[in-house]
Amino acid sequence: MSRQTIRITTNSPEETCALAQVLGPCLAAGDVLLLSGEVGAGKTHFARCLIQGLLEEPEDVPSPTYTLVQSYPGPEGEIWHADLYRLTDTTEIEELGLIDAFETAICLVEWPDRLGPLTPPAALSLTLEAPAGDDSRVLTCEWTAPAWTPRVKELADVES
């Protein structure tokens, strides 16, 4: 499988949120999003918007920095939001139940570099950057699994 890449630029937090809310309904149990970027790049903002767009009842979506994982009831099953920044060993990932969730839930994983060899090969990698130091963001999507191609195209169509 060849790696595919698409870059999308947003000009405001609202545009970044709109992208997340377009992607959300395209997701199903077993889909994993790997959210990378520096502190303050917008990983949690993107995840929060995506999750809130899928919830039937609005609720607060806090950063899981200290709890490590938050789960929410989605329309087709659970949505897991993980922040692995504080993890030091891959055994902690297994203890969280994240490996099982990769198969049964929609999973959004911040700081996915901590997954190491446990990284799902069919995941969609999303890297957020703030190159101008303002509210604009560059979202780089990378994937190898063919199932992502039409879904990522939906995102690119939002930008145009």
C-alpha atoms as a PDB file:
ATOM      1  CA  MET A   1       0.000   0.000   0.000  1.00  0.00           C
ATOM      2  CA  SER A   2       1.405   3.376  -0.941  1.00  0.00           C
ATOM      3  CA  ARG A   3       1.322   6.315   1.435  1.00  0.00           C
ATOM      4  CA  GLN A   4      -0.975   9.142   0.383  1.00  0.00           C
ATOM      5  CA  THR A   5      -0.778  12.699   1.660  1.00  0.00           C
ATOM      6  CA  ILE A   6      -2.994  15.749   1.499  1.00  0.00           C
ATOM      7  CA  ARG A   7      -2.404  19.172   3.082  1.00  0.00           C
ATOM      8  CA  ILE A   8      -5.262  21.475   4.032  1.00  0.00           C
ATOM      9  CA  THR A   9      -4.904  25.014   5.354  1.00  0.00           C
ATOM     10  CA  THR A  10      -7.477  26.610   7.635  1.00  0.00           C
ATOM     11  CA  ASN A  11      -7.524  30.279   8.582  1.00  0.00           C
ATOM     12  CA  SER A  12      -9.314  30.167  11.924  1.00  0.00           C
ATOM     13  CA  PRO A  13     -10.269  27.856  14.790  1.00  0.00           C
ATOM     14  CA  GLU A  14     -13.790  27.801  13.336  1.00  0.00           C
ATOM     15  CA  GLU A  15     -12.521  26.492   9.981  1.00  0.00           C
ATOM     16  CA  THR A  16     -10.438  23.842  11.751  1.00  0.00           C
ATOM     17  CA  CYS A  17     -13.520  22.842  13.740  1.00  0.00           C
ATOM     18  CA  ALA A  18     -15.596  22.648  10.556  1.00  0.00           C
ATOM     19  CA  LEU A  19     -13.082  20.192   9.066  1.00  0.00           C
ATOM     20  CA  ALA A  20     -13.292  17.996  12.152  1.00  0.00           C
ATOM     21  CA  GLN A  21     -17.081  18.036  11.977  1.00  0.00           C
ATOM     22  CA  VAL A  22     -17.004  16.955   8.323  1.00  0.00           C
ATOM     23  CA  LEU A  23     -14.710  14.037   9.130  1.00  0.00           C
ATOM     24  CA  GLY A  24     -16.627  12.846  12.207  1.00  0.00           C
ATOM     25  CA  PRO A  25     -19.699  11.393  10.465  1.00  0.00           C
ATOM     26  CA  CYS A  26     -17.393   9.515   8.049  1.00  0.00           C
ATOM     27  CA  LEU A  27     -15.910   7.496  10.931  1.00  0.00           C
ATOM     28  CA  ALA A  28     -16.927   4.061  12.192  1.00  0.00           C
ATOM     29  CA  ALA A  29     -15.885   1.631  14.920  1.00  0.00           C
ATOM     30  CA  GLY A  30     -12.327   0.524  14.318  1.00  0.00           C
ATOM     31  CA  ASP A  31     -11.209   3.852  12.841  1.00  0.00           C
ATOM     32  CA  VAL A  32      -8.151   5.379  14.496  1.00  0.00           C
ATOM     33  CA  LEU A  33      -7.016   8.982  14.085  1.00  0.00           C
ATOM     34  CA  LEU A  34      -3.457   9.775  15.158  1.00  0.00           C
ATOM     35  CA  LEU A  35      -3.233  13.478  16.077  1.00  0.00           C
ATOM     36  CA  SER A  36       0.290  14.903  16.044  1.00  0.00           C
ATOM     37  CA  GLY A  37       1.706  18.406  16.419  1.00  0.00           C
ATOM     38  CA  GLU A  38       3.457  20.655  18.863  1.00  0.00           C
ATOM     39  CA  VAL A  39       1.794  21.810  22.100  1.00  0.00           C
ATOM     40  CA  GLY A  40      -0.809  24.398  21.082  1.00  0.00           C
ATOM     41  CA  ALA A  41      -1.070  23.212  17.474  1.00  0.00           C
ATOM     42  CA  GLY A  42      -4.777  22.406  17.865  1.00  0.00           C
ATOM     43  CA  LYS A  43      -4.901  18.631  18.406  1.00  0.00           C
ATOM     44  CA  THR A  44      -7.352  18.833  21.306  1.00  0.00           C
ATOM     45  CA  HIS A  45      -9.431  21.519  19.560  1.00  0.00           C
ATOM     46  CA  PHE A  46      -9.759  19.275  16.499  1.00  0.00           C
ATOM     47  CA  ALA A  47     -10.641  16.226  18.625  1.00  0.00           C
ATOM     48  CA  ARG A  48     -13.136  18.200  20.735  1.00  0.00           C
ATOM     49  CA  CYS A  49     -14.948  19.517  17.647  1.00  0.00           C
ATOM     50  CA  LEU A  50     -15.081  16.079  16.053  1.00  0.00           C
ATOM     51  CA  ILE A  51     -16.426  14.443  19.214  1.00  0.00           C
ATOM     52  CA  GLN A  52     -18.975  17.171  19.928  1.00  0.00           C
ATOM     53  CA  GLY A  53     -20.215  16.857  16.353  1.00  0.00           C
ATOM     54  CA  LEU A  54     -20.959  13.170  16.943  1.00  0.00           C
ATOM     55  CA  LEU A  55     -22.629  13.408  20.356  1.00  0.00           C
ATOM     56  CA  GLU A  56     -26.411  13.129  20.472  1.00  0.00           C
ATOM     57  CA  GLU A  57     -26.503  15.133  23.700  1.00  0.00           C
ATOM     58  CA  PRO A  58     -24.046  18.039  23.973  1.00  0.00           C
ATOM     59  CA  GLU A  59     -21.497  17.649  26.752  1.00  0.00           C
ATOM     60  CA  ASP A  60     -18.164  19.061  27.786  1.00  0.00           C
ATOM     61  CA  VAL A  61     -15.206  17.392  26.074  1.00  0.00           C
ATOM     62  CA  PRO A  62     -12.185  18.062  28.288  1.00  0.00           C
ATOM     63  CA  SER A  63      -8.605  17.335  27.308  1.00  0.00           C
ATOM     64  CA  PRO A  64      -7.636  13.871  28.547  1.00  0.00           C
ATOM     65  CA  THR A  65      -4.148  15.084  29.502  1.00  0.00           C
ATOM     66  CA  TYR A  66      -4.534  13.992  33.126  1.00  0.00           C
ATOM     67  CA  THR A  67      -7.122  11.226  32.798  1.00  0.00           C
ATOM     68  CA  LEU A  68      -5.267   9.793  29.748  1.00  0.00           C
ATOM     69  CA  VAL A  69      -8.517   8.536  28.177  1.00  0.00           C
ATOM     70  CA  GLN A  70     -12.064   9.873  27.965  1.00  0.00           C
ATOM     71  CA  SER A  71     -14.849   7.922  26.286  1.00  0.00           C
ATOM     72  CA  TYR A  72     -18.159   9.122  24.909  1.00  0.00           C
ATOM     73  CA  PRO A  73     -21.278   7.400  23.587  1.00  0.00           C
ATOM     74  CA  GLY A  74     -21.306   7.834  19.814  1.00  0.00           C
ATOM     75  CA  PRO A  75     -24.143   7.139  17.402  1.00  0.00           C
ATOM     76  CA  GLU A  76     -22.625   3.780  16.352  1.00  0.00           C
ATOM     77  CA  GLY A  77     -20.549   2.931  19.438  1.00  0.00           C
ATOM     78  CA  GLU A  78     -17.965   4.427  21.726  1.00  0.00           C
ATOM     79  CA  ILE A  79     -15.629   7.283  20.901  1.00  0.00           C
ATOM     80  CA  TRP A  80     -12.287   7.215  22.720  1.00  0.00           C
ATOM     81  CA  HIS A  81     -10.102  10.297  23.096  1.00  0.00           C
ATOM     82  CA  ALA A  82      -6.619   9.534  24.413  1.00  0.00           C
ATOM     83  CA  ASP A  83      -3.721  11.835  25.267  1.00  0.00           C
ATOM     84  CA  LEU A  84      -0.568   9.759  25.606  1.00  0.00           C
ATOM     85  CA  TYR A  85       1.812  12.639  26.369  1.00  0.00           C
ATOM     86  CA  ARG A  86       2.495  11.495  29.945  1.00  0.00           C
ATOM     87  CA  LEU A  87       3.026   7.818  29.108  1.00  0.00           C
ATOM     88  CA  THR A  88       6.516   6.386  29.318  1.00  0.00           C
ATOM     89  CA  ASP A  89       6.008   2.737  28.371  1.00  0.00           C
ATOM     90  CA  THR A  90       3.817   0.880  25.870  1.00  0.00           C
ATOM     91  CA  THR A  91       2.586  -1.493  28.590  1.00  0.00           C
ATOM     92  CA  GLU A  92       0.614   1.472  29.971  1.00  0.00           C
ATOM     93  CA  ILE A  93      -1.253   1.658  26.654  1.00  0.00           C
ATOM     94  CA  GLU A  94      -2.379  -1.933  26.987  1.00  0.00           C
ATOM     95  CA  GLU A  95      -3.481  -1.310  30.599  1.00  0.00           C
ATOM     96  CA  LEU A  96      -5.703   1.557  29.414  1.00  0.00           C
ATOM     97  CA  GLY A  97      -7.592  -0.844  27.129  1.00  0.00           C
ATOM     98  CA  LEU A  98      -6.651   1.222  24.098  1.00  0.00           C
ATOM     99  CA  ILE A  99      -5.551  -1.741  21.992  1.00  0.00           C
ATOM    100  CA  ASP A 100      -9.024  -3.314  22.291  1.00  0.00           C
ATOM    101  CA  ALA A 101     -10.645   0.064  21.616  1.00  0.00           C
ATOM    102  CA  PHE A 102      -8.761   0.288  18.310  1.00  0.00           C
ATOM    103  CA  GLU A 103     -10.957  -2.593  17.142  1.00  0.00           C
ATOM    104  CA  THR A 104     -14.294  -1.621  18.695  1.00  0.00           C
ATOM    105  CA  ALA A 105     -14.449   2.189  18.924  1.00  0.00           C
ATOM    106  CA  ILE A 106     -13.612   5.369  17.073  1.00  0.00           C
ATOM    107  CA  CYS A 107     -10.258   6.370  18.589  1.00  0.00           C
ATOM    108  CA  LEU A 108      -8.589   9.771  18.539  1.00  0.00           C
ATOM    109  CA  VAL A 109      -5.038   9.569  19.866  1.00  0.00           C
ATOM    110  CA  GLU A 110      -2.948  12.621  20.732  1.00  0.00           C
ATOM    111  CA  TRP A 111       0.824  12.100  20.953  1.00  0.00           C
ATOM    112  CA  PRO A 112       0.663   8.851  18.928  1.00  0.00           C
ATOM    113  CA  ASP A 113       4.465   8.562  18.874  1.00  0.00           C
ATOM    114  CA  ARG A 114       4.048   6.976  22.338  1.00  0.00           C
ATOM    115  CA  LEU A 115       2.304   3.995  20.700  1.00  0.00           C
ATOM    116  CA  GLY A 116       5.529   2.759  19.115  1.00  0.00           C
ATOM    117  CA  PRO A 117       4.983  -0.724  17.674  1.00  0.00           C
ATOM    118  CA  LEU A 118       1.348  -0.694  18.841  1.00  0.00           C
ATOM    119  CA  THR A 119       0.435   1.932  16.223  1.00  0.00           C
ATOM    120  CA  PRO A 120      -2.428   0.594  14.078  1.00  0.00           C
ATOM    121  CA  PRO A 121      -1.125   0.368  10.492  1.00  0.00           C
ATOM    122  CA  ALA A 122      -4.481   1.370   8.987  1.00  0.00           C
ATOM    123  CA  ALA A 123      -4.790   4.571  11.051  1.00  0.00           C
ATOM    124  CA  LEU A 124      -5.206   8.031   9.553  1.00  0.00           C
ATOM    125  CA  SER A 125      -2.371  10.324  10.660  1.00  0.00           C
ATOM    126  CA  LEU A 126      -3.275  13.974  11.111  1.00  0.00           C
ATOM    127  CA  THR A 127      -0.504  16.473  11.828  1.00  0.00           C
ATOM    128  CA  LEU A 128      -1.484  19.996  12.837  1.00  0.00           C
ATOM    129  CA  GLU A 129       0.948  22.897  12.474  1.00  0.00           C
ATOM    130  CA  ALA A 130       0.680  26.609  13.213  1.00  0.00           C
ATOM    131  CA  PRO A 131       3.324  27.898  10.780  1.00  0.00           C
ATOM    132  CA  ALA A 132       2.368  31.579  10.909  1.00  0.00           C
ATOM    133  CA  GLY A 133       1.993  31.749  14.682  1.00  0.00           C
ATOM    134  CA  ASP A 134      -1.596  32.965  14.299  1.00  0.00           C
ATOM    135  CA  ASP A 135      -4.952  31.148  14.110  1.00  0.00           C
ATOM    136  CA  SER A 136      -4.182  29.494  10.767  1.00  0.00           C
ATOM    137  CA  ARG A 137      -3.382  25.785  10.758  1.00  0.00           C
ATOM    138  CA  VAL A 138      -1.951  23.375   8.229  1.00  0.00           C
ATOM    139  CA  LEU A 139      -3.460  19.913   8.546  1.00  0.00           C
ATOM    140  CA  THR A 140      -1.444  17.159   6.888  1.00  0.00           C
ATOM    141  CA  CYS A 141      -3.355  13.908   6.409  1.00  0.00           C
ATOM    142  CA  GLU A 142      -1.389  10.725   5.679  1.00  0.00           C
ATOM    143  CA  TRP A 143      -2.729   7.219   5.127  1.00  0.00           C
ATOM    144  CA  THR A 144      -2.079   3.918   3.408  1.00  0.00           C
ATOM    145  CA  ALA A 145      -5.423   2.138   3.888  1.00  0.00           C
ATOM    146  CA  PRO A 146      -7.574   2.702   0.767  1.00  0.00           C
ATOM    147  CA  ALA A 147     -10.702   3.162   2.899  1.00  0.00           C
ATOM    148  CA  TRP A 148      -9.430   6.610   3.955  1.00  0.00           C
ATOM    149  CA  THR A 149      -9.169   8.031   0.428  1.00  0.00           C
ATOM    150  CA  PRO A 150     -12.851   9.000  -0.108  1.00  0.00           C
ATOM    151  CA  ARG A 151     -13.161  10.243   3.475  1.00  0.00           C
ATOM    152  CA  VAL A 152     -10.103  12.481   3.249  1.00  0.00           C
ATOM    153  CA  LYS A 153     -11.398  13.757  -0.090  1.00  0.00           C
ATOM    154  CA  GLU A 154     -14.427  15.083   1.814  1.00  0.00           C
ATOM    155  CA  LEU A 155     -12.032  17.190   3.883  1.00  0.00           C
ATOM    156  CA  ALA A 156     -10.226  18.502   0.833  1.00  0.00           C
ATOM    157  CA  ASP A 157     -13.590  19.428  -0.706  1.00  0.00           C
ATOM    158  CA  VAL A 158     -14.388  21.580   2.358  1.00  0.00           C
ATOM    159  CA  GLU A 159     -11.228  23.604   1.762  1.00  0.00           C
ATOM    160  CA  SER A 160     -11.996  24.348  -1.892  1.00  0.00           C
END
